[in-house]
Amino acid sequence: MFGVVTRNASEVELTEFDRGFYEVKDVTGRAAAPLPNAINMVSCFGDNAAANGNPDLVPVNDAGDLATRDQPYFDWAYICPTNEQYRAGLLEIIDDCVEQNGDVRLDDVGFPREGYCRCDRCNRLFEASDYDDRNEWRASVITEFVAEAAARIPGKVYLTLYPDPYPGHLYRRAGLDLDALEEHVDEFVIPLYDMAYTTTYWLEIIVTGFLDLLTTPFSVELYAVDVDIDKLIHATDVADAYANNVYFGYDASNAVAALRRMKAEDRDGVSHGQ
């Protein structure tokens, strides 16, 4: 099954795709009205606009570094997952999505990185908790949020994962306890983005790592913007060999061209696989 990830409402209706994901809130903070004919996506704790408008929302580490794009290893700004007012706003957005379509995808869920967050609120909540280990406490915060969101979603719950299947990495990096999260998630989505897909051995390594790690079904999201069609087809073949579904990000026309060529070659009996 193939799908598209897009900010353009018209692209979710393209017949070449079996499903469409539509960004209702992205990491820039941009908001759009949910669609009834799409799986609406919500960037949960990635939000440049909110961070710029209120730096007090941004996670901080022991050194006082804010989790924003000013840091060399952040592509966007984050919001602290313990901020109750911000979380309430996210749940309202999810409710709006559910009114249009019962399936919802949660994106950018988790703490931004190891060492975050050490804000006064997080320190206070950790000290008041039953946890002695800060990583366990962080994981409980994220699992609680996902459980609360999932309880409001009557259809399928999709959750995006950072593409690192090495055991313990997602737990230590983002506070994602996969065993606990699998109780609330119907499908994980793994973005494996490359500008060219000139080689794909790394893609296979990462996908098979998640195959060993997860019991819940997962899909792979490929980057389709300006990627050579033959290279995109080859990356699709590799991802499709292991993942339940393959989704194409942010260039529907290029993805459509790749899918049409794949179908044409299949009809002609030509193999485009490895």
Protein backbone atom coordinates (compact mmCIF):
# COMPACT_ATOMS: atom_id res chain seq x y z
CA MET A 1 0.00 0.00 0.00
CA PHE A 2 1.30 3.44 -0.95
CA GLY A 3 0.45 6.82 0.49
CA VAL A 4 1.34 10.49 0.33
CA VAL A 5 2.32 12.98 3.02
CA THR A 6 1.38 16.51 2.03
CA ARG A 7 0.43 20.05 2.95
CA ASN A 8 -1.76 20.33 -0.18
CA ALA A 9 -5.35 19.27 0.32
CA SER A 10 -5.92 18.33 -3.32
CA GLU A 11 -3.10 15.75 -3.29
CA VAL A 12 -4.81 13.41 -0.83
CA GLU A 13 -7.42 12.75 -3.53
CA LEU A 14 -4.94 11.44 -6.12
CA THR A 15 -6.03 7.95 -7.10
CA GLU A 16 -2.48 6.60 -7.23
CA PHE A 17 -2.33 6.70 -3.43
CA ASP A 18 -4.15 4.34 -1.11
CA ARG A 19 -4.11 6.86 1.73
CA GLY A 20 -3.15 10.45 2.31
CA PHE A 21 -1.64 12.16 5.34
CA TYR A 22 -2.42 15.86 5.64
CA GLU A 23 -0.44 18.20 7.89
CA VAL A 24 -2.86 20.07 10.11
CA LYS A 25 -0.05 21.40 12.31
CA ASP A 26 3.58 21.22 11.27
CA VAL A 27 6.87 22.08 12.97
CA THR A 28 6.73 25.68 11.79
CA GLY A 29 3.55 26.13 13.81
CA ARG A 30 1.52 26.53 10.63
CA ALA A 31 -2.08 25.41 11.13
CA ALA A 32 -4.66 24.17 8.62
CA ALA A 33 -8.19 22.87 8.92
CA PRO A 34 -8.44 19.07 9.12
CA LEU A 35 -9.77 17.16 6.12
CA PRO A 36 -12.45 14.46 6.14
CA ASN A 37 -10.72 12.48 3.39
CA ALA A 38 -7.24 12.34 4.92
CA ILE A 39 -5.39 11.04 7.93
CA ASN A 40 -4.71 14.33 9.63
CA MET A 41 -1.22 14.85 11.08
CA VAL A 42 -0.33 16.85 14.17
CA SER A 43 3.23 17.91 14.99
CA CYS A 44 2.98 17.65 18.75
CA PHE A 45 6.11 19.03 20.40
CA GLY A 46 7.82 20.58 17.39
CA ASP A 47 6.62 24.17 17.02
CA ASN A 48 8.82 27.08 15.88
CA ALA A 49 6.05 29.66 16.17
CA ALA A 50 5.13 28.78 19.75
CA ALA A 51 8.78 28.67 20.77
CA ASN A 52 9.51 32.05 19.18
CA GLY A 53 6.42 33.57 20.78
CA ASN A 54 7.13 32.21 24.25
CA PRO A 55 10.65 30.94 25.01
CA ASP A 56 9.42 29.76 28.43
CA LEU A 57 7.75 26.87 26.59
CA VAL A 58 11.08 25.58 25.24
CA PRO A 59 12.92 22.68 26.93
CA VAL A 60 16.29 23.48 28.48
CA ASN A 61 19.24 21.31 29.50
CA ASP A 62 21.61 21.60 32.47
CA ALA A 63 23.83 24.01 30.56
CA GLY A 64 20.91 26.34 29.91
CA ASP A 65 20.71 25.53 26.18
CA LEU A 66 17.24 25.95 24.71
CA ALA A 67 16.04 23.27 22.29
CA THR A 68 15.71 25.60 19.31
CA ARG A 69 17.15 25.93 15.82
CA ASP A 70 19.92 28.07 17.29
CA GLN A 71 21.50 24.80 18.40
CA PRO A 72 23.49 22.99 15.69
CA TYR A 73 21.64 19.69 16.14
CA PHE A 74 18.00 20.87 16.08
CA ASP A 75 16.21 21.44 12.78
CA TRP A 76 13.24 23.02 14.55
CA ALA A 77 12.27 24.26 17.99
CA TYR A 78 10.66 22.05 20.60
CA ILE A 79 8.07 22.57 23.30
CA CYS A 80 8.41 20.97 26.73
CA PRO A 81 6.08 17.94 26.92
CA THR A 82 5.16 18.70 30.55
CA ASN A 83 3.54 22.04 29.75
CA GLU A 84 -0.09 21.35 30.58
CA GLN A 85 -1.52 24.35 28.74
CA TYR A 86 0.28 23.46 25.52
CA ARG A 87 -0.72 19.80 25.85
CA ALA A 88 -4.35 20.83 26.31
CA GLY A 89 -4.11 22.80 23.08
CA LEU A 90 -2.73 19.75 21.27
CA LEU A 91 -5.61 17.63 22.50
CA GLU A 92 -8.07 20.23 21.22
CA ILE A 93 -6.42 20.04 17.79
CA ILE A 94 -6.68 16.25 17.89
CA ASP A 95 -10.37 16.57 18.78
CA ASP A 96 -10.85 18.82 15.74
CA CYS A 97 -9.12 16.22 13.58
CA VAL A 98 -11.30 13.41 14.90
CA GLU A 99 -14.43 15.36 14.02
CA GLN A 100 -13.35 15.08 10.38
CA ASN A 101 -11.66 11.66 10.31
CA GLY A 102 -11.28 9.03 13.02
CA ASP A 103 -7.67 8.24 12.08
CA VAL A 104 -4.93 10.59 13.31
CA ARG A 105 -1.14 10.63 13.04
CA LEU A 106 0.91 12.01 15.92
CA ASP A 107 4.19 13.52 14.78
CA ASP A 108 7.19 14.86 16.72
CA VAL A 109 6.27 13.16 19.97
CA GLY A 110 8.88 13.07 22.72
CA PHE A 111 11.55 15.08 24.46
CA PRO A 112 14.00 16.74 22.05
CA ARG A 113 17.20 14.98 23.09
CA GLU A 114 19.14 13.46 25.96
CA GLY A 115 19.45 15.88 28.86
CA TYR A 116 16.18 17.69 28.19
CA CYS A 117 14.22 18.96 29.93
CA ARG A 118 15.63 20.55 33.10
CA CYS A 119 13.21 23.43 33.41
CA ASP A 120 11.85 24.27 36.87
CA ARG A 121 8.57 22.53 36.10
CA CYS A 122 10.21 19.30 34.96
CA ASN A 123 12.54 19.30 37.97
CA ARG A 124 9.59 19.82 40.30
CA LEU A 125 7.46 17.14 38.65
CA PHE A 126 10.29 14.61 38.67
CA GLU A 127 11.05 15.24 42.35
CA ALA A 128 7.36 14.82 43.21
CA SER A 129 7.02 11.62 41.16
CA ASP A 130 7.45 8.01 42.26
CA TYR A 131 10.45 7.60 39.94
CA ASP A 132 14.08 7.56 41.01
CA ASP A 133 15.36 7.35 37.45
CA ARG A 134 14.84 10.45 35.31
CA ASN A 135 14.67 8.45 32.06
CA GLU A 136 11.84 6.34 33.48
CA TRP A 137 10.02 9.49 34.50
CA ARG A 138 10.46 11.06 31.05
CA ALA A 139 9.11 7.91 29.41
CA SER A 140 6.07 7.97 31.70
CA VAL A 141 5.36 11.58 30.63
CA ILE A 142 5.37 10.68 26.95
CA THR A 143 3.42 7.45 27.37
CA GLU A 144 0.79 9.31 29.38
CA PHE A 145 0.41 11.91 26.63
CA VAL A 146 0.12 9.30 23.86
CA ALA A 147 -2.39 7.31 25.91
CA GLU A 148 -4.48 10.43 26.50
CA ALA A 149 -4.37 11.34 22.81
CA ALA A 150 -5.13 7.78 21.68
CA ALA A 151 -8.17 7.63 23.97
CA ARG A 152 -9.66 10.49 21.95
CA ILE A 153 -8.95 8.85 18.58
CA PRO A 154 -11.64 6.33 17.60
CA GLY A 155 -9.82 5.07 14.51
CA LYS A 156 -6.19 4.18 13.86
CA VAL A 157 -3.46 5.87 15.83
CA TYR A 158 -0.29 6.51 13.82
CA LEU A 159 2.92 7.61 15.55
CA THR A 160 6.09 8.84 13.87
CA LEU A 161 9.40 7.50 15.20
CA TYR A 162 12.85 9.00 14.85
CA PRO A 163 14.73 6.56 12.55
CA ASP A 164 17.03 4.99 15.14
CA PRO A 165 16.26 1.32 15.91
CA TYR A 166 19.36 0.72 18.03
CA PRO A 167 18.08 -0.75 21.33
CA GLY A 168 17.55 1.92 23.97
CA HIS A 169 18.30 4.90 21.74
CA LEU A 170 14.75 6.19 21.35
CA TYR A 171 14.17 5.67 25.07
CA ARG A 172 17.22 7.68 26.11
CA ARG A 173 16.93 10.27 23.36
CA ALA A 174 13.23 11.11 23.34
CA GLY A 175 11.64 9.29 26.27
CA LEU A 176 9.91 6.75 24.01
CA ASP A 177 9.21 3.46 25.75
CA LEU A 178 8.21 1.43 22.70
CA ASP A 179 6.82 -1.51 24.69
CA ALA A 180 4.50 0.86 26.56
CA LEU A 181 3.60 2.87 23.46
CA GLU A 182 2.67 -0.20 21.44
CA GLU A 183 -0.40 -0.60 23.64
CA HIS A 184 -1.75 2.70 22.26
CA VAL A 185 -0.43 2.80 18.68
CA ASP A 186 -1.83 0.95 15.66
CA GLU A 187 0.96 1.82 13.22
CA PHE A 188 4.36 3.44 13.54
CA VAL A 189 5.77 5.51 10.68
CA ILE A 190 9.55 5.68 10.13
CA PRO A 191 10.75 8.60 7.98
CA LEU A 192 13.90 7.56 6.10
CA TYR A 193 14.74 10.73 4.22
CA ASP A 194 17.53 11.17 1.69
CA MET A 195 18.03 13.75 -1.05
CA ALA A 196 19.02 11.19 -3.68
CA TYR A 197 18.85 7.53 -2.49
CA THR A 198 22.01 6.87 -4.48
CA THR A 199 22.66 3.93 -2.17
CA THR A 200 20.02 2.04 -0.20
CA TYR A 201 21.94 -0.45 1.93
CA TRP A 202 21.55 1.89 4.92
CA LEU A 203 17.80 2.00 4.34
CA GLU A 204 17.61 -1.78 4.51
CA ILE A 205 19.70 -1.85 7.70
CA ILE A 206 17.45 0.66 9.47
CA VAL A 207 14.20 -0.96 8.32
CA THR A 208 15.26 -4.44 9.38
CA GLY A 209 16.33 -3.00 12.73
CA PHE A 210 12.79 -1.80 13.32
CA LEU A 211 11.49 -5.16 12.11
CA ASP A 212 13.36 -6.75 15.01
CA LEU A 213 12.37 -4.01 17.46
CA LEU A 214 8.61 -3.69 16.91
CA THR A 215 5.66 -6.04 17.08
CA THR A 216 3.21 -3.32 16.00
CA PRO A 217 2.97 -2.81 12.20
CA PHE A 218 5.15 -0.04 10.82
CA SER A 219 5.54 1.81 7.55
CA VAL A 220 8.38 3.73 5.92
CA GLU A 221 8.11 7.31 4.71
CA LEU A 222 10.43 8.26 1.85
CA TYR A 223 11.40 11.75 0.74
CA ALA A 224 10.18 12.37 -2.81
CA VAL A 225 11.18 15.99 -3.50
CA ASP A 226 13.36 16.24 -6.64
CA VAL A 227 14.56 12.64 -6.23
CA ASP A 228 15.44 10.82 -9.45
CA ILE A 229 12.53 8.52 -10.27
CA ASP A 230 14.69 5.42 -10.80
CA LYS A 231 16.38 6.01 -7.44
CA LEU A 232 13.04 6.59 -5.75
CA ILE A 233 11.70 3.34 -7.24
CA HIS A 234 14.70 1.43 -5.94
CA ALA A 235 14.27 2.92 -2.45
CA THR A 236 10.58 2.01 -2.60
CA ASP A 237 11.43 -1.59 -3.50
CA VAL A 238 13.75 -1.87 -0.51
CA ALA A 239 11.30 -0.29 1.93
CA ASP A 240 8.35 -2.26 0.59
CA ALA A 241 10.21 -5.55 1.09
CA TYR A 242 10.11 -5.09 4.88
CA ALA A 243 7.57 -2.42 5.88
CA ASN A 244 3.80 -2.78 5.83
CA ASN A 245 3.36 0.33 3.67
CA VAL A 246 5.43 2.99 1.93
CA TYR A 247 4.53 6.69 2.06
CA PHE A 248 6.02 9.51 -0.01
CA GLY A 249 6.73 12.90 1.51
CA TYR A 250 6.08 16.33 0.05
CA ASP A 251 6.27 15.78 -3.71
CA ALA A 252 3.13 14.00 -4.86
CA SER A 253 3.83 14.50 -8.57
CA ASN A 254 7.24 12.79 -8.35
CA ALA A 255 5.76 9.97 -6.28
CA VAL A 256 2.94 9.50 -8.79
CA ALA A 257 5.47 9.29 -11.62
CA ALA A 258 7.42 6.62 -9.74
CA LEU A 259 4.31 4.56 -8.98
CA ARG A 260 3.09 4.76 -12.57
CA ARG A 261 6.42 3.56 -13.88
CA MET A 262 6.47 0.73 -11.35
CA LYS A 263 3.02 -0.40 -12.47
CA ALA A 264 3.95 -0.12 -16.14
CA GLU A 265 7.09 -2.19 -15.64
CA ASP A 266 5.16 -4.79 -13.67
CA ARG A 267 2.67 -5.11 -16.54
CA ASP A 268 5.54 -5.50 -18.99
CA GLY A 269 7.14 -8.16 -16.84
CA VAL A 270 10.22 -6.08 -16.10
CA SER A 271 11.77 -6.32 -12.67
CA HIS A 272 12.86 -3.06 -11.05
CA GLY A 273 13.89 -4.68 -7.77
CA GLN A 274 17.29 -5.53 -6.41
